[in-house]
């Protein structure tokens, strides 16, 4: 039992790391995402210099950027994979499509899930860039789910394969 928990934890951590790396690399390789990311980074850099010039304010744009990156990793890699792993373990499922599909679907839907949770009006709308981001999030979740399945879920409860 302890061995299974260790394998699951290792698989989860490795899958999250691979998913976050995939998200970073694929964001840099996609021209639209790269342009949007550069725009956001430059905006944050200029805000950082503006904040340094203002006396008495302690807002840190780099910390804000870190929180945004952390939230994206949680929403696309950690939370969807945790739900997929929990469902898979409870149901006893050992399907690559199950782990990858559930994780990818939840990661791809994460922008709309957050909007709906916050009660925003745009919970049902999407522009082409948002759809491209959603596809990237879906692929990130699918990669995370596949890596987790490969390490922790493929062999399942059969003690001879762990």
C-alpha atoms as a PDB file:
ATOM      1  CA  UNK A   1       0.000   0.000   0.000  1.00  0.00           C
ATOM      2  CA  UNK A   2       2.763   2.460   0.910  1.00  0.00           C
ATOM      3  CA  UNK A   3       4.618   1.515  -2.252  1.00  0.00           C
ATOM      4  CA  UNK A   4       1.524   2.357  -4.325  1.00  0.00           C
ATOM      5  CA  UNK A   5       1.182   5.758  -2.620  1.00  0.00           C
ATOM      6  CA  UNK A   6       4.847   6.541  -3.272  1.00  0.00           C
ATOM      7  CA  UNK A   7       4.488   5.555  -6.948  1.00  0.00           C
ATOM      8  CA  UNK A   8       1.344   7.690  -7.269  1.00  0.00           C
ATOM      9  CA  UNK A   9       3.003  10.710  -5.626  1.00  0.00           C
ATOM     10  CA  UNK A  10       6.116  10.353  -7.788  1.00  0.00           C
ATOM     11  CA  UNK A  11       3.983   9.985 -10.913  1.00  0.00           C
ATOM     12  CA  UNK A  12       1.911  12.997  -9.971  1.00  0.00           C
ATOM     13  CA  UNK A  13       4.911  15.240  -9.320  1.00  0.00           C
ATOM     14  CA  UNK A  14       6.681  14.127 -12.484  1.00  0.00           C
ATOM     15  CA  UNK A  15       3.518  14.570 -14.576  1.00  0.00           C
ATOM     16  CA  UNK A  16       2.998  18.102 -13.231  1.00  0.00           C
ATOM     17  CA  UNK A  17       6.619  18.991 -13.992  1.00  0.00           C
ATOM     18  CA  UNK A  18       6.426  17.612 -17.520  1.00  0.00           C
ATOM     19  CA  UNK A  19       3.091  19.353 -18.079  1.00  0.00           C
ATOM     20  CA  UNK A  20       4.446  22.710 -16.886  1.00  0.00           C
ATOM     21  CA  UNK A  21       7.515  22.296 -19.104  1.00  0.00           C
ATOM     22  CA  UNK A  22       5.303  21.378 -22.055  1.00  0.00           C
ATOM     23  CA  UNK A  23       3.177  24.462 -21.436  1.00  0.00           C
ATOM     24  CA  UNK A  24       6.227  26.725 -21.356  1.00  0.00           C
ATOM     25  CA  UNK A  25       7.875  25.257 -24.460  1.00  0.00           C
ATOM     26  CA  UNK A  26       4.684  25.094 -26.513  1.00  0.00           C
ATOM     27  CA  UNK A  27       3.806  28.664 -25.517  1.00  0.00           C
ATOM     28  CA  UNK A  28       7.177  29.827 -26.806  1.00  0.00           C
ATOM     29  CA  UNK A  29       6.853  27.837 -30.046  1.00  0.00           C
ATOM     30  CA  UNK A  30       3.341  29.071 -30.922  1.00  0.00           C
ATOM     31  CA  UNK A  31       3.625  32.503 -32.610  1.00  0.00           C
ATOM     32  CA  UNK A  32       0.321  33.849 -31.242  1.00  0.00           C
ATOM     33  CA  UNK A  33       1.069  32.695 -27.715  1.00  0.00           C
ATOM     34  CA  UNK A  34       4.641  33.962 -27.919  1.00  0.00           C
ATOM     35  CA  UNK A  35       3.426  37.382 -29.041  1.00  0.00           C
ATOM     36  CA  UNK A  36       0.820  37.551 -26.282  1.00  0.00           C
ATOM     37  CA  UNK A  37       3.401  36.406 -23.719  1.00  0.00           C
ATOM     38  CA  UNK A  38       5.987  38.957 -24.866  1.00  0.00           C
ATOM     39  CA  UNK A  39       3.352  41.683 -24.735  1.00  0.00           C
ATOM     40  CA  UNK A  40       2.400  40.690 -21.196  1.00  0.00           C
ATOM     41  CA  UNK A  41       6.048  40.423 -20.101  1.00  0.00           C
ATOM     42  CA  UNK A  42       6.964  43.820 -21.551  1.00  0.00           C
ATOM     43  CA  UNK A  43       3.904  45.343 -19.965  1.00  0.00           C
ATOM     44  CA  UNK A  44       4.956  43.846 -16.629  1.00  0.00           C
ATOM     45  CA  UNK A  45       8.524  45.078 -17.090  1.00  0.00           C
ATOM     46  CA  UNK A  46       7.377  48.633 -17.774  1.00  0.00           C
ATOM     47  CA  UNK A  47       4.978  48.430 -14.831  1.00  0.00           C
ATOM     48  CA  UNK A  48       7.905  47.297 -12.688  1.00  0.00           C
ATOM     49  CA  UNK A  49       9.927  50.387 -13.638  1.00  0.00           C
ATOM     50  CA  UNK A  50       6.883  52.621 -13.126  1.00  0.00           C
ATOM     51  CA  UNK A  51       6.298  51.123  -9.680  1.00  0.00           C
ATOM     52  CA  UNK A  52       9.942  51.722  -8.732  1.00  0.00           C
ATOM     53  CA  UNK A  53       9.535  55.377  -9.588  1.00  0.00           C
ATOM     54  CA  UNK A  54       6.440  55.839  -7.391  1.00  0.00           C
ATOM     55  CA  UNK A  55       7.235  56.477  -3.750  1.00  0.00           C
ATOM     56  CA  UNK A  56       5.253  54.805  -1.005  1.00  0.00           C
ATOM     57  CA  UNK A  57       3.778  51.902  -3.005  1.00  0.00           C
ATOM     58  CA  UNK A  58       4.848  48.351  -2.313  1.00  0.00           C
ATOM     59  CA  UNK A  59       3.221  46.569  -5.259  1.00  0.00           C
ATOM     60  CA  UNK A  60       5.620  44.202  -6.992  1.00  0.00           C
ATOM     61  CA  UNK A  61       4.762  43.408 -10.631  1.00  0.00           C
ATOM     62  CA  UNK A  62       7.230  40.502 -10.648  1.00  0.00           C
ATOM     63  CA  UNK A  63       5.398  38.930  -7.719  1.00  0.00           C
ATOM     64  CA  UNK A  64       2.113  39.486  -9.551  1.00  0.00           C
ATOM     65  CA  UNK A  65       3.553  37.801 -12.641  1.00  0.00           C
ATOM     66  CA  UNK A  66       4.704  34.885 -10.471  1.00  0.00           C
ATOM     67  CA  UNK A  67       1.226  34.507  -8.997  1.00  0.00           C
ATOM     68  CA  UNK A  68      -0.288  34.475 -12.496  1.00  0.00           C
ATOM     69  CA  UNK A  69       2.163  31.785 -13.671  1.00  0.00           C
ATOM     70  CA  UNK A  70       1.495  29.778 -10.491  1.00  0.00           C
ATOM     71  CA  UNK A  71      -2.280  30.027 -11.061  1.00  0.00           C
ATOM     72  CA  UNK A  72      -1.931  28.881 -14.674  1.00  0.00           C
ATOM     73  CA  UNK A  73       0.148  25.858 -13.649  1.00  0.00           C
ATOM     74  CA  UNK A  74      -2.357  24.964 -10.922  1.00  0.00           C
ATOM     75  CA  UNK A  75      -5.311  25.365 -13.319  1.00  0.00           C
ATOM     76  CA  UNK A  76      -3.771  23.425 -16.198  1.00  0.00           C
ATOM     77  CA  UNK A  77      -1.461  20.848 -14.629  1.00  0.00           C
ATOM     78  CA  UNK A  78      -2.224  20.226 -10.960  1.00  0.00           C
ATOM     79  CA  UNK A  79      -6.000  20.467 -10.454  1.00  0.00           C
ATOM     80  CA  UNK A  80      -7.110  18.617 -13.626  1.00  0.00           C
ATOM     81  CA  UNK A  81      -4.573  15.846 -13.029  1.00  0.00           C
ATOM     82  CA  UNK A  82      -5.613  15.535  -9.374  1.00  0.00           C
ATOM     83  CA  UNK A  83      -9.266  15.125 -10.402  1.00  0.00           C
ATOM     84  CA  UNK A  84      -8.359  12.603 -13.130  1.00  0.00           C
ATOM     85  CA  UNK A  85      -6.169  10.614 -10.720  1.00  0.00           C
ATOM     86  CA  UNK A  86      -8.836  10.625  -8.029  1.00  0.00           C
ATOM     87  CA  UNK A  87     -11.544   9.483 -10.450  1.00  0.00           C
ATOM     88  CA  UNK A  88      -9.240   6.849 -11.913  1.00  0.00           C
ATOM     89  CA  UNK A  89      -8.267   5.458  -8.524  1.00  0.00           C
ATOM     90  CA  UNK A  90     -11.830   5.377  -7.223  1.00  0.00           C
ATOM     91  CA  UNK A  91     -13.200   3.809 -10.409  1.00  0.00           C
ATOM     92  CA  UNK A  92     -10.231   1.480 -10.821  1.00  0.00           C
ATOM     93  CA  UNK A  93      -9.796   2.725 -14.393  1.00  0.00           C
ATOM     94  CA  UNK A  94      -6.524   1.980 -16.151  1.00  0.00           C
ATOM     95  CA  UNK A  95      -7.195   3.653 -19.488  1.00  0.00           C
ATOM     96  CA  UNK A  96      -4.759   6.115 -21.058  1.00  0.00           C
ATOM     97  CA  UNK A  97      -7.708   7.797 -22.749  1.00  0.00           C
ATOM     98  CA  UNK A  98      -9.462   8.184 -19.405  1.00  0.00           C
ATOM     99  CA  UNK A  99      -6.584   9.834 -17.565  1.00  0.00           C
ATOM    100  CA  UNK A 100      -5.464  11.919 -20.497  1.00  0.00           C
ATOM    101  CA  UNK A 101      -8.987  12.842 -21.580  1.00  0.00           C
ATOM    102  CA  UNK A 102     -10.292  13.894 -18.183  1.00  0.00           C
ATOM    103  CA  UNK A 103      -7.166  15.874 -17.373  1.00  0.00           C
ATOM    104  CA  UNK A 104      -7.084  17.513 -20.823  1.00  0.00           C
ATOM    105  CA  UNK A 105     -10.787  18.388 -20.818  1.00  0.00           C
ATOM    106  CA  UNK A 106     -10.634  19.986 -17.385  1.00  0.00           C
ATOM    107  CA  UNK A 107      -7.447  21.889 -18.247  1.00  0.00           C
ATOM    108  CA  UNK A 108      -8.911  23.120 -21.549  1.00  0.00           C
ATOM    109  CA  UNK A 109     -12.109  24.215 -19.848  1.00  0.00           C
ATOM    110  CA  UNK A 110     -10.313  25.929 -16.965  1.00  0.00           C
ATOM    111  CA  UNK A 111     -10.717  29.511 -18.306  1.00  0.00           C
ATOM    112  CA  UNK A 112     -14.477  29.046 -18.557  1.00  0.00           C
ATOM    113  CA  UNK A 113     -14.681  27.217 -15.229  1.00  0.00           C
ATOM    114  CA  UNK A 114     -12.957  30.155 -13.517  1.00  0.00           C
ATOM    115  CA  UNK A 115     -15.194  32.683 -15.259  1.00  0.00           C
ATOM    116  CA  UNK A 116     -18.328  30.768 -14.305  1.00  0.00           C
ATOM    117  CA  UNK A 117     -17.133  30.387 -10.709  1.00  0.00           C
ATOM    118  CA  UNK A 118     -16.567  34.131 -10.465  1.00  0.00           C
ATOM    119  CA  UNK A 119     -19.947  34.850 -12.063  1.00  0.00           C
ATOM    120  CA  UNK A 120     -18.482  36.796 -14.963  1.00  0.00           C
ATOM    121  CA  UNK A 121     -20.675  37.651 -17.932  1.00  0.00           C
ATOM    122  CA  UNK A 122     -18.202  36.276 -20.467  1.00  0.00           C
ATOM    123  CA  UNK A 123     -18.414  32.707 -19.148  1.00  0.00           C
ATOM    124  CA  UNK A 124     -19.814  31.497 -22.479  1.00  0.00           C
ATOM    125  CA  UNK A 125     -17.867  33.689 -24.916  1.00  0.00           C
ATOM    126  CA  UNK A 126     -14.491  33.104 -26.524  1.00  0.00           C
ATOM    127  CA  UNK A 127     -12.402  34.834 -29.151  1.00  0.00           C
ATOM    128  CA  UNK A 128      -9.937  32.992 -31.443  1.00  0.00           C
ATOM    129  CA  UNK A 129      -6.941  33.664 -29.171  1.00  0.00           C
ATOM    130  CA  UNK A 130      -8.838  32.274 -26.179  1.00  0.00           C
ATOM    131  CA  UNK A 131      -9.696  29.165 -28.171  1.00  0.00           C
ATOM    132  CA  UNK A 132      -6.018  28.764 -29.059  1.00  0.00           C
ATOM    133  CA  UNK A 133      -5.097  29.118 -25.386  1.00  0.00           C
ATOM    134  CA  UNK A 134      -7.790  26.574 -24.484  1.00  0.00           C
ATOM    135  CA  UNK A 135      -6.332  24.126 -27.019  1.00  0.00           C
ATOM    136  CA  UNK A 136      -2.875  24.619 -25.535  1.00  0.00           C
ATOM    137  CA  UNK A 137      -4.288  24.059 -22.035  1.00  0.00           C
ATOM    138  CA  UNK A 138      -6.081  20.912 -23.276  1.00  0.00           C
ATOM    139  CA  UNK A 139      -2.869  19.532 -24.736  1.00  0.00           C
ATOM    140  CA  UNK A 140      -1.000  20.363 -21.528  1.00  0.00           C
ATOM    141  CA  UNK A 141      -3.581  18.514 -19.433  1.00  0.00           C
ATOM    142  CA  UNK A 142      -3.542  15.572 -21.839  1.00  0.00           C
ATOM    143  CA  UNK A 143       0.255  15.320 -21.629  1.00  0.00           C
ATOM    144  CA  UNK A 144       0.125  15.473 -17.827  1.00  0.00           C
ATOM    145  CA  UNK A 145      -2.544  12.774 -17.723  1.00  0.00           C
ATOM    146  CA  UNK A 146      -0.573  10.560 -20.109  1.00  0.00           C
ATOM    147  CA  UNK A 147       2.616  10.867 -18.063  1.00  0.00           C
ATOM    148  CA  UNK A 148       0.737  10.075 -14.847  1.00  0.00           C
ATOM    149  CA  UNK A 149      -0.889   7.058 -16.506  1.00  0.00           C
ATOM    150  CA  UNK A 150       2.479   5.851 -17.778  1.00  0.00           C
ATOM    151  CA  UNK A 151       4.063   5.969 -14.325  1.00  0.00           C
ATOM    152  CA  UNK A 152       1.310   5.340 -11.793  1.00  0.00           C
ATOM    153  CA  UNK A 153      -1.924   4.155 -13.356  1.00  0.00           C
ATOM    154  CA  UNK A 154      -0.927   1.762 -16.120  1.00  0.00           C
ATOM    155  CA  UNK A 155      -0.050  -1.064 -13.792  1.00  0.00           C
ATOM    156  CA  UNK A 156      -2.804  -0.225 -11.326  1.00  0.00           C
ATOM    157  CA  UNK A 157      -3.373  -2.539  -8.419  1.00  0.00           C
ATOM    158  CA  UNK A 158      -1.507  -5.515  -9.826  1.00  0.00           C
ATOM    159  CA  UNK A 159       1.432  -5.813  -7.388  1.00  0.00           C
ATOM    160  CA  UNK A 160       3.579  -7.760  -9.887  1.00  0.00           C
ATOM    161  CA  UNK A 161       3.769  -4.726 -12.231  1.00  0.00           C
ATOM    162  CA  UNK A 162       4.549  -1.931  -9.767  1.00  0.00           C
END
